[in-house]
Every structure is written in structure tokens, then in C-alpha cells.
PDB file of all heavy atoms in Angstrom:
ATOM      1  N   GLY A   1       0.863  -1.253  -0.047  1.00  0.00           N
ATOM      2  CA  GLY A   1       0.032   0.005  -0.024  1.00  0.00           C
ATOM      3  C   GLY A   1       0.871   1.240   0.013  1.00  0.00           C
ATOM      4  O   GLY A   1       2.102   1.219  -0.065  1.00  0.00           O
ATOM      5  N   SER A   2       0.186   2.323   0.052  1.00  0.00           N
ATOM      6  CA  SER A   2       0.831   3.660   0.052  1.00  0.00           C
ATOM      7  C   SER A   2       1.020   4.088   1.544  1.00  0.00           C
ATOM      8  O   SER A   2       0.474   3.530   2.413  1.00  0.00           O
ATOM      9  CB  SER A   2       0.108   4.714  -0.659  1.00  0.00           C
ATOM     10  OG  SER A   2      -1.229   4.869  -0.116  1.00  0.00           O
ATOM     11  N   THR A   3       1.882   5.059   1.696  1.00  0.00           N
ATOM     12  CA  THR A   3       2.118   5.587   3.024  1.00  0.00           C
ATOM     13  C   THR A   3       1.189   6.665   3.454  1.00  0.00           C
ATOM     14  O   THR A   3       0.868   7.517   2.598  1.00  0.00           O
ATOM     15  CB  THR A   3       3.648   6.125   3.128  1.00  0.00           C
ATOM     16  OG1 THR A   3       4.450   5.165   2.684  1.00  0.00           O
ATOM     17  CG2 THR A   3       3.940   6.610   4.506  1.00  0.00           C
ATOM     18  N   ASN A   4       0.664   6.552   4.682  1.00  0.00           N
ATOM     19  CA  ASN A   4      -0.225   7.580   5.142  1.00  0.00           C
ATOM     20  C   ASN A   4       0.473   8.394   6.208  1.00  0.00           C
ATOM     21  O   ASN A   4       1.124   7.822   7.135  1.00  0.00           O
ATOM     22  CB  ASN A   4      -1.567   6.890   5.776  1.00  0.00           C
ATOM     23  CG  ASN A   4      -2.305   6.305   4.635  1.00  0.00           C
ATOM     24  OD1 ASN A   4      -2.581   6.986   3.541  1.00  0.00           O
ATOM     25  ND2 ASN A   4      -2.830   5.119   4.919  1.00  0.00           N
ATOM     26  N   TYR A   5       0.322   9.641   6.219  1.00  0.00           N
ATOM     27  CA  TYR A   5       0.893  10.524   7.211  1.00  0.00           C
ATOM     28  C   TYR A   5      -0.074  11.342   7.998  1.00  0.00           C
ATOM     29  O   TYR A   5      -1.103  11.605   7.416  1.00  0.00           O
ATOM     30  CB  TYR A   5       1.817  11.613   6.558  1.00  0.00           C
ATOM     31  CG  TYR A   5       3.056  10.974   5.699  1.00  0.00           C
ATOM     32  CD1 TYR A   5       2.944  10.698   4.462  1.00  0.00           C
ATOM     33  CD2 TYR A   5       4.201  10.739   6.459  1.00  0.00           C
ATOM     34  CE1 TYR A   5       3.964  10.089   3.724  1.00  0.00           C
ATOM     35  CE2 TYR A   5       5.308  10.215   5.716  1.00  0.00           C
ATOM     36  CZ  TYR A   5       5.207   9.917   4.441  1.00  0.00           C
ATOM     37  OH  TYR A   5       6.281   9.398   3.691  1.00  0.00           O
ATOM     38  N   ALA A   6       0.179  11.620   9.241  1.00  0.00           N
ATOM     39  CA  ALA A   6      -0.560  12.508  10.021  1.00  0.00           C
ATOM     40  C   ALA A   6      -0.551  13.865   9.381  1.00  0.00           C
ATOM     41  O   ALA A   6       0.436  14.302   8.846  1.00  0.00           O
ATOM     42  CB  ALA A   6      -0.061  12.547  11.506  1.00  0.00           C
ATOM     43  N   ASP A   7      -1.642  14.558   9.379  1.00  0.00           N
ATOM     44  CA  ASP A   7      -1.748  15.968   8.813  1.00  0.00           C
ATOM     45  C   ASP A   7      -0.614  16.902   9.317  1.00  0.00           C
ATOM     46  O   ASP A   7      -0.107  17.697   8.641  1.00  0.00           O
ATOM     47  CB  ASP A   7      -3.069  16.517   9.120  1.00  0.00           C
ATOM     48  CG  ASP A   7      -4.210  15.839   8.296  1.00  0.00           C
ATOM     49  OD1 ASP A   7      -3.875  15.162   7.226  1.00  0.00           O
ATOM     50  OD2 ASP A   7      -5.368  16.005   8.617  1.00  0.00           O
ATOM     51  N   SER A   8      -0.312  16.678  10.644  1.00  0.00           N
ATOM     52  CA  SER A   8       0.644  17.541  11.281  1.00  0.00           C
ATOM     53  C   SER A   8       2.049  17.482  10.680  1.00  0.00           C
ATOM     54  O   SER A   8       2.806  18.288  11.004  1.00  0.00           O
ATOM     55  CB  SER A   8       0.664  17.337  12.755  1.00  0.00           C
ATOM     56  OG  SER A   8       1.008  16.050  13.143  1.00  0.00           O
ATOM     57  N   VAL A   9       2.301  16.358  10.039  1.00  0.00           N
ATOM     58  CA  VAL A   9       3.730  16.095   9.533  1.00  0.00           C
ATOM     59  C   VAL A   9       3.805  16.086   8.044  1.00  0.00           C
ATOM     60  O   VAL A   9       4.861  15.984   7.444  1.00  0.00           O
ATOM     61  CB  VAL A   9       4.290  14.848  10.074  1.00  0.00           C
ATOM     62  CG1 VAL A   9       4.157  14.865  11.616  1.00  0.00           C
ATOM     63  CG2 VAL A   9       3.703  13.544   9.576  1.00  0.00           C
ATOM     64  N   LYS A  10       2.700  16.006   7.332  1.00  0.00           N
ATOM     65  CA  LYS A  10       2.646  16.085   5.918  1.00  0.00           C
ATOM     66  C   LYS A  10       3.561  17.123   5.347  1.00  0.00           C
ATOM     67  O   LYS A  10       3.356  18.302   5.708  1.00  0.00           O
ATOM     68  CB  LYS A  10       1.188  16.178   5.271  1.00  0.00           C
ATOM     69  CG  LYS A  10       0.431  14.848   5.433  1.00  0.00           C
ATOM     70  CD  LYS A  10      -0.993  14.996   4.858  1.00  0.00           C
ATOM     71  CE  LYS A  10      -1.700  13.738   5.085  1.00  0.00           C
ATOM     72  NZ  LYS A  10      -3.166  13.933   4.590  1.00  0.00           N
ATOM     73  N   GLY A  11       4.305  16.755   4.403  1.00  0.00           N
ATOM     74  CA  GLY A  11       5.193  17.773   3.697  1.00  0.00           C
ATOM     75  C   GLY A  11       6.483  17.983   4.446  1.00  0.00           C
ATOM     76  O   GLY A  11       7.420  18.565   3.885  1.00  0.00           O
ATOM     77  N   ARG A  12       6.578  17.461   5.634  1.00  0.00           N
ATOM     78  CA  ARG A  12       7.801  17.711   6.430  1.00  0.00           C
ATOM     79  C   ARG A  12       8.580  16.375   6.674  1.00  0.00           C
ATOM     80  O   ARG A  12       9.726  16.288   6.754  1.00  0.00           O
ATOM     81  CB  ARG A  12       7.561  18.373   7.780  1.00  0.00           C
ATOM     82  CG  ARG A  12       6.930  19.696   7.536  1.00  0.00           C
ATOM     83  CD  ARG A  12       6.784  20.374   8.917  1.00  0.00           C
ATOM     84  NE  ARG A  12       5.993  19.724   9.934  1.00  0.00           N
ATOM     85  CZ  ARG A  12       6.344  19.291  11.122  1.00  0.00           C
ATOM     86  NH1 ARG A  12       7.571  19.537  11.512  1.00  0.00           N
ATOM     87  NH2 ARG A  12       5.501  18.678  11.889  1.00  0.00           N
ATOM     88  N   PHE A  13       7.716  15.261   6.896  1.00  0.00           N
ATOM     89  CA  PHE A  13       8.309  13.898   7.266  1.00  0.00           C
ATOM     90  C   PHE A  13       8.104  13.070   6.112  1.00  0.00           C
ATOM     91  O   PHE A  13       7.145  13.092   5.379  1.00  0.00           O
ATOM     92  CB  PHE A  13       7.595  13.311   8.395  1.00  0.00           C
ATOM     93  CG  PHE A  13       7.736  14.002   9.812  1.00  0.00           C
ATOM     94  CD1 PHE A  13       8.535  15.351   9.860  1.00  0.00           C
ATOM     95  CD2 PHE A  13       7.350  13.436  10.903  1.00  0.00           C
ATOM     96  CE1 PHE A  13       8.698  15.841  11.103  1.00  0.00           C
ATOM     97  CE2 PHE A  13       7.624  14.008  12.193  1.00  0.00           C
ATOM     98  CZ  PHE A  13       8.303  15.260  12.172  1.00  0.00           C
ATOM     99  N   THR A  14       9.175  12.091   5.858  1.00  0.00           N
ATOM    100  CA  THR A  14       9.065  11.142   4.853  1.00  0.00           C
ATOM    101  C   THR A  14       9.524   9.824   5.346  1.00  0.00           C
ATOM    102  O   THR A  14      10.544   9.640   5.889  1.00  0.00           O
ATOM    103  CB  THR A  14       9.986  11.570   3.622  1.00  0.00           C
ATOM    104  OG1 THR A  14       9.590  12.808   3.130  1.00  0.00           O
ATOM    105  CG2 THR A  14       9.761  10.476   2.454  1.00  0.00           C
ATOM    106  N   MET A  15       8.694   8.849   5.129  1.00  0.00           N
ATOM    107  CA  MET A  15       9.007   7.459   5.594  1.00  0.00           C
ATOM    108  C   MET A  15       9.458   6.720   4.417  1.00  0.00           C
ATOM    109  O   MET A  15       8.914   6.731   3.307  1.00  0.00           O
ATOM    110  CB  MET A  15       7.817   6.711   6.273  1.00  0.00           C
ATOM    111  CG  MET A  15       8.238   5.452   6.999  1.00  0.00           C
ATOM    112  SD  MET A  15       6.898   4.793   7.940  1.00  0.00           S
ATOM    113  CE  MET A  15       5.800   4.111   6.661  1.00  0.00           C
ATOM    114  N   SER A  16      10.605   5.915   4.579  1.00  0.00           N
ATOM    115  CA  SER A  16      11.090   5.076   3.510  1.00  0.00           C
ATOM    116  C   SER A  16      11.486   3.765   4.067  1.00  0.00           C
ATOM    117  O   SER A  16      11.715   3.581   5.309  1.00  0.00           O
ATOM    118  CB  SER A  16      12.294   5.818   2.839  1.00  0.00           C
ATOM    119  OG  SER A  16      13.342   5.878   3.785  1.00  0.00           O
ATOM    120  N   ARG A  17      11.561   2.819   3.216  1.00  0.00           N
ATOM    121  CA  ARG A  17      11.907   1.356   3.614  1.00  0.00           C
ATOM    122  C   ARG A  17      13.099   0.860   2.790  1.00  0.00           C
ATOM    123  O   ARG A  17      13.105   1.160   1.563  1.00  0.00           O
ATOM    124  CB  ARG A  17      10.753   0.517   3.571  1.00  0.00           C
ATOM    125  CG  ARG A  17       9.945   0.356   2.270  1.00  0.00           C
ATOM    126  CD  ARG A  17       8.588  -0.208   2.368  1.00  0.00           C
ATOM    127  NE  ARG A  17       8.653  -1.679   2.582  1.00  0.00           N
ATOM    128  CZ  ARG A  17       7.722  -2.359   3.026  1.00  0.00           C
ATOM    129  NH1 ARG A  17       6.532  -1.854   3.190  1.00  0.00           N
ATOM    130  NH2 ARG A  17       7.800  -3.769   3.090  1.00  0.00           N
ATOM    131  N   ASP A  18      13.889   0.069   3.471  1.00  0.00           N
ATOM    132  CA  ASP A  18      14.996  -0.632   2.728  1.00  0.00           C
ATOM    133  C   ASP A  18      14.744  -2.140   2.995  1.00  0.00           C
ATOM    134  O   ASP A  18      15.070  -2.655   4.063  1.00  0.00           O
ATOM    135  CB  ASP A  18      16.335  -0.163   3.291  1.00  0.00           C
ATOM    136  CG  ASP A  18      17.504  -0.753   2.431  1.00  0.00           C
ATOM    137  OD1 ASP A  18      17.414  -1.927   2.024  1.00  0.00           O
ATOM    138  OD2 ASP A  18      18.463  -0.018   2.391  1.00  0.00           O
ATOM    139  N   ASN A  19      14.118  -2.721   1.859  1.00  0.00           N
ATOM    140  CA  ASN A  19      13.791  -4.174   2.073  1.00  0.00           C
ATOM    141  C   ASN A  19      15.054  -5.091   2.297  1.00  0.00           C
ATOM    142  O   ASN A  19      14.881  -6.090   2.955  1.00  0.00           O
ATOM    143  CB  ASN A  19      13.002  -4.599   0.794  1.00  0.00           C
ATOM    144  CG  ASN A  19      11.713  -3.799   0.600  1.00  0.00           C
ATOM    145  OD1 ASN A  19      11.079  -3.424   1.600  1.00  0.00           O
ATOM    146  ND2 ASN A  19      11.383  -3.605  -0.632  1.00  0.00           N
ATOM    147  N   ALA A  20      16.148  -4.676   1.641  1.00  0.00           N
ATOM    148  CA  ALA A  20      17.316  -5.519   1.887  1.00  0.00           C
ATOM    149  C   ALA A  20      17.875  -5.474   3.214  1.00  0.00           C
ATOM    150  O   ALA A  20      18.412  -6.481   3.779  1.00  0.00           O
ATOM    151  CB  ALA A  20      18.343  -5.083   0.831  1.00  0.00           C
ATOM    152  N   LYS A  21      17.712  -4.302   3.936  1.00  0.00           N
ATOM    153  CA  LYS A  21      18.223  -4.193   5.303  1.00  0.00           C
ATOM    154  C   LYS A  21      17.198  -4.416   6.398  1.00  0.00           C
ATOM    155  O   LYS A  21      17.465  -4.313   7.534  1.00  0.00           O
ATOM    156  CB  LYS A  21      18.864  -2.790   5.395  1.00  0.00           C
ATOM    157  CG  LYS A  21      20.118  -2.514   4.574  1.00  0.00           C
ATOM    158  CD  LYS A  21      20.632  -1.151   4.874  1.00  0.00           C
ATOM    159  CE  LYS A  21      21.859  -0.836   3.932  1.00  0.00           C
ATOM    160  NZ  LYS A  21      22.480   0.557   4.224  1.00  0.00           N
ATOM    161  N   ASN A  22      15.969  -4.599   5.875  1.00  0.00           N
ATOM    162  CA  ASN A  22      14.811  -4.803   6.878  1.00  0.00           C
ATOM    163  C   ASN A  22      14.747  -3.505   7.848  1.00  0.00           C
ATOM    164  O   ASN A  22      14.566  -3.699   8.977  1.00  0.00           O
ATOM    165  CB  ASN A  22      14.948  -6.067   7.625  1.00  0.00           C
ATOM    166  CG  ASN A  22      14.764  -7.271   6.787  1.00  0.00           C
ATOM    167  OD1 ASN A  22      13.985  -7.305   5.849  1.00  0.00           O
ATOM    168  ND2 ASN A  22      15.528  -8.316   7.071  1.00  0.00           N
ATOM    169  N   THR A  23      14.878  -2.372   7.238  1.00  0.00           N
ATOM    170  CA  THR A  23      14.690  -1.113   8.027  1.00  0.00           C
ATOM    171  C   THR A  23      13.593  -0.236   7.395  1.00  0.00           C
ATOM    172  O   THR A  23      13.349  -0.216   6.228  1.00  0.00           O
ATOM    173  CB  THR A  23      16.094  -0.393   8.010  1.00  0.00           C
ATOM    174  OG1 THR A  23      16.455  -0.113   6.759  1.00  0.00           O
ATOM    175  CG2 THR A  23      17.146  -1.138   8.641  1.00  0.00           C
ATOM    176  N   VAL A  24      13.126   0.616   8.258  1.00  0.00           N
ATOM    177  CA  VAL A  24      12.164   1.658   7.907  1.00  0.00           C
ATOM    178  C   VAL A  24      12.748   2.914   8.475  1.00  0.00           C
ATOM    179  O   VAL A  24      12.959   2.931   9.732  1.00  0.00           O
ATOM    180  CB  VAL A  24      10.764   1.377   8.381  1.00  0.00           C
ATOM    181  CG1 VAL A  24       9.875   2.547   8.103  1.00  0.00           C
ATOM    182  CG2 VAL A  24      10.201   0.088   7.690  1.00  0.00           C
ATOM    183  N   ASP A  25      12.854   3.961   7.768  1.00  0.00           N
ATOM    184  CA  ASP A  25      13.466   5.150   8.246  1.00  0.00           C
ATOM    185  C   ASP A  25      12.260   6.279   8.257  1.00  0.00           C
ATOM    186  O   ASP A  25      11.427   6.218   7.401  1.00  0.00           O
ATOM    187  CB  ASP A  25      14.598   5.707   7.367  1.00  0.00           C
ATOM    188  CG  ASP A  25      15.860   4.787   7.517  1.00  0.00           C
ATOM    189  OD1 ASP A  25      15.833   3.876   8.426  1.00  0.00           O
ATOM    190  OD2 ASP A  25      16.759   4.997   6.742  1.00  0.00           O
ATOM    191  N   LEU A  26      12.528   7.281   9.049  1.00  0.00           N
ATOM    192  CA  LEU A  26      11.642   8.420   9.050  1.00  0.00           C
ATOM    193  C   LEU A  26      12.539   9.679   8.962  1.00  0.00           C
ATOM    194  O   LEU A  26      13.343  10.007   9.960  1.00  0.00           O
ATOM    195  CB  LEU A  26      10.897   8.478  10.363  1.00  0.00           C
ATOM    196  CG  LEU A  26       9.829   9.625  10.423  1.00  0.00           C
ATOM    197  CD1 LEU A  26       8.676   9.401   9.441  1.00  0.00           C
ATOM    198  CD2 LEU A  26       9.221   9.698  11.813  1.00  0.00           C
ATOM    199  N   GLN A  27      12.540  10.351   7.869  1.00  0.00           N
ATOM    200  CA  GLN A  27      13.279  11.544   7.668  1.00  0.00           C
ATOM    201  C   GLN A  27      12.334  12.733   8.104  1.00  0.00           C
ATOM    202  O   GLN A  27      11.276  12.969   7.527  1.00  0.00           O
ATOM    203  CB  GLN A  27      13.717  11.781   6.184  1.00  0.00           C
ATOM    204  CG  GLN A  27      14.377  13.090   5.899  1.00  0.00           C
ATOM    205  CD  GLN A  27      15.734  13.156   6.571  1.00  0.00           C
ATOM    206  OE1 GLN A  27      16.462  12.193   6.700  1.00  0.00           O
ATOM    207  NE2 GLN A  27      16.062  14.346   7.150  1.00  0.00           N
ATOM    208  N   MET A  28      12.836  13.495   9.042  1.00  0.00           N
ATOM    209  CA  MET A  28      12.029  14.634   9.665  1.00  0.00           C
ATOM    210  C   MET A  28      12.762  15.908   9.315  1.00  0.00           C
ATOM    211  O   MET A  28      13.895  16.121   9.816  1.00  0.00           O
ATOM    212  CB  MET A  28      11.884  14.357  11.105  1.00  0.00           C
ATOM    213  CG  MET A  28      11.314  13.048  11.505  1.00  0.00           C
ATOM    214  SD  MET A  28      11.039  12.819  13.233  1.00  0.00           S
ATOM    215  CE  MET A  28      12.675  12.908  13.885  1.00  0.00           C
ATOM    216  N   ASN A  29      12.024  16.725   8.598  1.00  0.00           N
ATOM    217  CA  ASN A  29      12.670  18.096   8.288  1.00  0.00           C
ATOM    218  C   ASN A  29      11.699  19.139   8.756  1.00  0.00           C
ATOM    219  O   ASN A  29      10.576  18.932   9.168  1.00  0.00           O
ATOM    220  CB  ASN A  29      12.730  18.235   6.713  1.00  0.00           C
ATOM    221  CG  ASN A  29      13.647  17.172   6.012  1.00  0.00           C
ATOM    222  OD1 ASN A  29      14.662  16.730   6.642  1.00  0.00           O
ATOM    223  ND2 ASN A  29      13.296  16.821   4.867  1.00  0.00           N
ATOM    224  N   SER A  30      12.261  20.353   8.850  1.00  0.00           N
ATOM    225  CA  SER A  30      11.509  21.540   9.298  1.00  0.00           C
ATOM    226  C   SER A  30      10.844  21.171  10.703  1.00  0.00           C
ATOM    227  O   SER A  30       9.686  21.516  10.962  1.00  0.00           O
ATOM    228  CB  SER A  30      10.489  21.910   8.264  1.00  0.00           C
ATOM    229  OG  SER A  30      11.019  22.321   7.150  1.00  0.00           O
ATOM    230  N   LEU A  31      11.655  20.692  11.534  1.00  0.00           N
ATOM    231  CA  LEU A  31      11.170  20.275  12.788  1.00  0.00           C
ATOM    232  C   LEU A  31      10.674  21.458  13.655  1.00  0.00           C
ATOM    233  O   LEU A  31      11.263  22.557  13.664  1.00  0.00           O
ATOM    234  CB  LEU A  31      12.182  19.421  13.592  1.00  0.00           C
ATOM    235  CG  LEU A  31      12.310  17.988  13.149  1.00  0.00           C
ATOM    236  CD1 LEU A  31      13.687  17.462  13.613  1.00  0.00           C
ATOM    237  CD2 LEU A  31      11.222  17.189  13.665  1.00  0.00           C
ATOM    238  N   LYS A  32       9.608  21.191  14.449  1.00  0.00           N
ATOM    239  CA  LYS A  32       8.986  22.215  15.298  1.00  0.00           C
ATOM    240  C   LYS A  32       9.052  21.708  16.706  1.00  0.00           C
ATOM    241  O   LYS A  32       9.052  20.565  17.060  1.00  0.00           O
ATOM    242  CB  LYS A  32       7.541  22.398  14.892  1.00  0.00           C
ATOM    243  CG  LYS A  32       7.353  22.756  13.424  1.00  0.00           C
ATOM    244  CD  LYS A  32       5.834  22.795  13.046  1.00  0.00           C
ATOM    245  CE  LYS A  32       5.711  23.139  11.610  1.00  0.00           C
ATOM    246  NZ  LYS A  32       4.188  23.223  11.327  1.00  0.00           N
ATOM    247  N   PRO A  33       9.040  22.680  17.699  1.00  0.00           N
ATOM    248  CA  PRO A  33       9.049  22.240  19.064  1.00  0.00           C
ATOM    249  C   PRO A  33       7.812  21.242  19.450  1.00  0.00           C
ATOM    250  O   PRO A  33       8.070  20.321  20.232  1.00  0.00           O
ATOM    251  CB  PRO A  33       8.793  23.558  19.882  1.00  0.00           C
ATOM    252  CG  PRO A  33       9.468  24.568  18.959  1.00  0.00           C
ATOM    253  CD  PRO A  33       9.103  24.126  17.563  1.00  0.00           C
ATOM    254  N   GLU A  34       6.698  21.437  18.702  1.00  0.00           N
ATOM    255  CA  GLU A  34       5.648  20.488  18.982  1.00  0.00           C
ATOM    256  C   GLU A  34       5.835  19.055  18.387  1.00  0.00           C
ATOM    257  O   GLU A  34       5.003  18.211  18.719  1.00  0.00           O
ATOM    258  CB  GLU A  34       4.284  21.067  18.405  1.00  0.00           C
ATOM    259  CG  GLU A  34       4.360  21.481  16.942  1.00  0.00           C
ATOM    260  CD  GLU A  34       4.596  23.007  16.753  1.00  0.00           C
ATOM    261  OE1 GLU A  34       5.489  23.564  17.563  1.00  0.00           O
ATOM    262  OE2 GLU A  34       3.960  23.612  16.005  1.00  0.00           O
ATOM    263  N   ASP A  35       6.997  18.871  17.773  1.00  0.00           N
ATOM    264  CA  ASP A  35       7.340  17.517  17.332  1.00  0.00           C
ATOM    265  C   ASP A  35       8.056  16.752  18.453  1.00  0.00           C
ATOM    266  O   ASP A  35       8.347  15.575  18.340  1.00  0.00           O
ATOM    267  CB  ASP A  35       8.268  17.551  16.129  1.00  0.00           C
ATOM    268  CG  ASP A  35       7.477  18.130  14.829  1.00  0.00           C
ATOM    269  OD1 ASP A  35       6.392  17.707  14.578  1.00  0.00           O
ATOM    270  OD2 ASP A  35       8.135  18.934  14.163  1.00  0.00           O
ATOM    271  N   THR A  36       8.397  17.494  19.516  1.00  0.00           N
ATOM    272  CA  THR A  36       9.045  16.840  20.574  1.00  0.00           C
ATOM    273  C   THR A  36       8.228  15.669  21.260  1.00  0.00           C
ATOM    274  O   THR A  36       7.041  15.936  21.592  1.00  0.00           O
ATOM    275  CB  THR A  36       9.344  17.866  21.739  1.00  0.00           C
ATOM    276  OG1 THR A  36      10.335  18.869  21.220  1.00  0.00           O
ATOM    277  CG2 THR A  36       9.924  17.202  22.931  1.00  0.00           C
ATOM    278  N   ALA A  37       8.864  14.496  21.289  1.00  0.00           N
ATOM    279  CA  ALA A  37       8.050  13.323  21.767  1.00  0.00           C
ATOM    280  C   ALA A  37       9.055  12.123  21.742  1.00  0.00           C
ATOM    281  O   ALA A  37      10.218  12.230  21.249  1.00  0.00           O
ATOM    282  CB  ALA A  37       6.920  12.998  20.787  1.00  0.00           C
ATOM    283  N   VAL A  38       8.548  11.004  22.258  1.00  0.00           N
ATOM    284  CA  VAL A  38       9.159   9.765  22.215  1.00  0.00           C
ATOM    285  C   VAL A  38       8.585   9.133  20.946  1.00  0.00           C
ATOM    286  O   VAL A  38       7.389   9.039  20.838  1.00  0.00           O
ATOM    287  CB  VAL A  38       9.033   8.841  23.402  1.00  0.00           C
ATOM    288  CG1 VAL A  38       9.708   7.472  23.207  1.00  0.00           C
ATOM    289  CG2 VAL A  38       9.741   9.509  24.598  1.00  0.00           C
ATOM    290  N   TYR A  39       9.470   8.693  20.008  1.00  0.00           N
ATOM    291  CA  TYR A  39       9.091   8.189  18.712  1.00  0.00           C
ATOM    292  C   TYR A  39       9.215   6.623  18.797  1.00  0.00           C
ATOM    293  O   TYR A  39      10.287   6.120  19.155  1.00  0.00           O
ATOM    294  CB  TYR A  39       9.745   8.724  17.562  1.00  0.00           C
ATOM    295  CG  TYR A  39       9.314  10.130  17.210  1.00  0.00           C
ATOM    296  CD1 TYR A  39       9.567  11.206  18.063  1.00  0.00           C
ATOM    297  CD2 TYR A  39       8.736  10.384  16.073  1.00  0.00           C
ATOM    298  CE1 TYR A  39       9.149  12.451  17.740  1.00  0.00           C
ATOM    299  CE2 TYR A  39       8.252  11.628  15.643  1.00  0.00           C
ATOM    300  CZ  TYR A  39       8.484  12.764  16.535  1.00  0.00           C
ATOM    301  OH  TYR A  39       8.049  13.954  16.166  1.00  0.00           O
ATOM    302  N   TYR A  40       8.144   5.921  18.359  1.00  0.00           N
ATOM    303  CA  TYR A  40       8.091   4.450  18.484  1.00  0.00           C
ATOM    304  C   TYR A  40       7.897   3.871  17.093  1.00  0.00           C
ATOM    305  O   TYR A  40       7.026   4.299  16.329  1.00  0.00           O
ATOM    306  CB  TYR A  40       6.975   3.994  19.383  1.00  0.00           C
ATOM    307  CG  TYR A  40       7.014   4.413  20.808  1.00  0.00           C
ATOM    308  CD1 TYR A  40       6.489   5.528  21.219  1.00  0.00           C
ATOM    309  CD2 TYR A  40       7.723   3.635  21.716  1.00  0.00           C
ATOM    310  CE1 TYR A  40       6.524   5.916  22.612  1.00  0.00           C
ATOM    311  CE2 TYR A  40       7.869   4.024  23.084  1.00  0.00           C
ATOM    312  CZ  TYR A  40       7.234   5.089  23.480  1.00  0.00           C
ATOM    313  OH  TYR A  40       7.321   5.485  24.831  1.00  0.00           O
ATOM    314  N   CYS A  41       8.789   2.963  16.807  1.00  0.00           N
ATOM    315  CA  CYS A  41       8.501   2.165  15.716  1.00  0.00           C
ATOM    316  C   CYS A  41       7.467   1.068  15.907  1.00  0.00           C
ATOM    317  O   CYS A  41       7.341   0.491  17.029  1.00  0.00           O
ATOM    318  CB  CYS A  41       9.906   1.386  15.281  1.00  0.00           C
ATOM    319  SG  CYS A  41       9.744   0.454  13.781  1.00  0.00           S
ATOM    320  N   TYR A  42       6.694   0.855  14.868  1.00  0.00           N
ATOM    321  CA  TYR A  42       5.493  -0.072  15.057  1.00  0.00           C
ATOM    322  C   TYR A  42       5.461  -1.062  13.906  1.00  0.00           C
ATOM    323  O   TYR A  42       5.785  -0.630  12.717  1.00  0.00           O
ATOM    324  CB  TYR A  42       4.186   0.726  15.023  1.00  0.00           C
ATOM    325  CG  TYR A  42       2.896  -0.090  14.814  1.00  0.00           C
ATOM    326  CD1 TYR A  42       2.353  -0.714  15.929  1.00  0.00           C
ATOM    327  CD2 TYR A  42       2.471  -0.154  13.563  1.00  0.00           C
ATOM    328  CE1 TYR A  42       1.249  -1.524  15.794  1.00  0.00           C
ATOM    329  CE2 TYR A  42       1.245  -0.966  13.395  1.00  0.00           C
ATOM    330  CZ  TYR A  42       0.650  -1.602  14.489  1.00  0.00           C
ATOM    331  OH  TYR A  42      -0.449  -2.387  14.240  1.00  0.00           O
ATOM    332  N   GLY A  43       5.023  -2.237  14.192  1.00  0.00           N
ATOM    333  CA  GLY A  43       4.833  -3.276  13.191  1.00  0.00           C
ATOM    334  C   GLY A  43       3.716  -4.157  13.576  1.00  0.00           C
ATOM    335  O   GLY A  43       3.459  -4.406  14.720  1.00  0.00           O
TER     336      GLY A  43
END
């Protein structure tokens, strides 16, 4: 499927996956103080 983003991060965050490495990354740009949080990977 396609990637769905929260409205608050659309246009700033990009999720990508590397199937060979079994990793999922989250590139976060234009960060704001309200982005402060503990970030959890989910599967």
C-alpha cells in the first residue's frame, strides 16, 4: 500500500523502507517544538 501521514507532519516527514536491510526510516525536516516526543517504531 501507500504511506499515510498525520496531517501535522505532511510535507515535512518522509518514511522510507529498505527491504534488503529490513529497515524503515523516518526523515524529519523543518522540525517544530511540537514535534518533541518519544518516537516508536510499530509493526
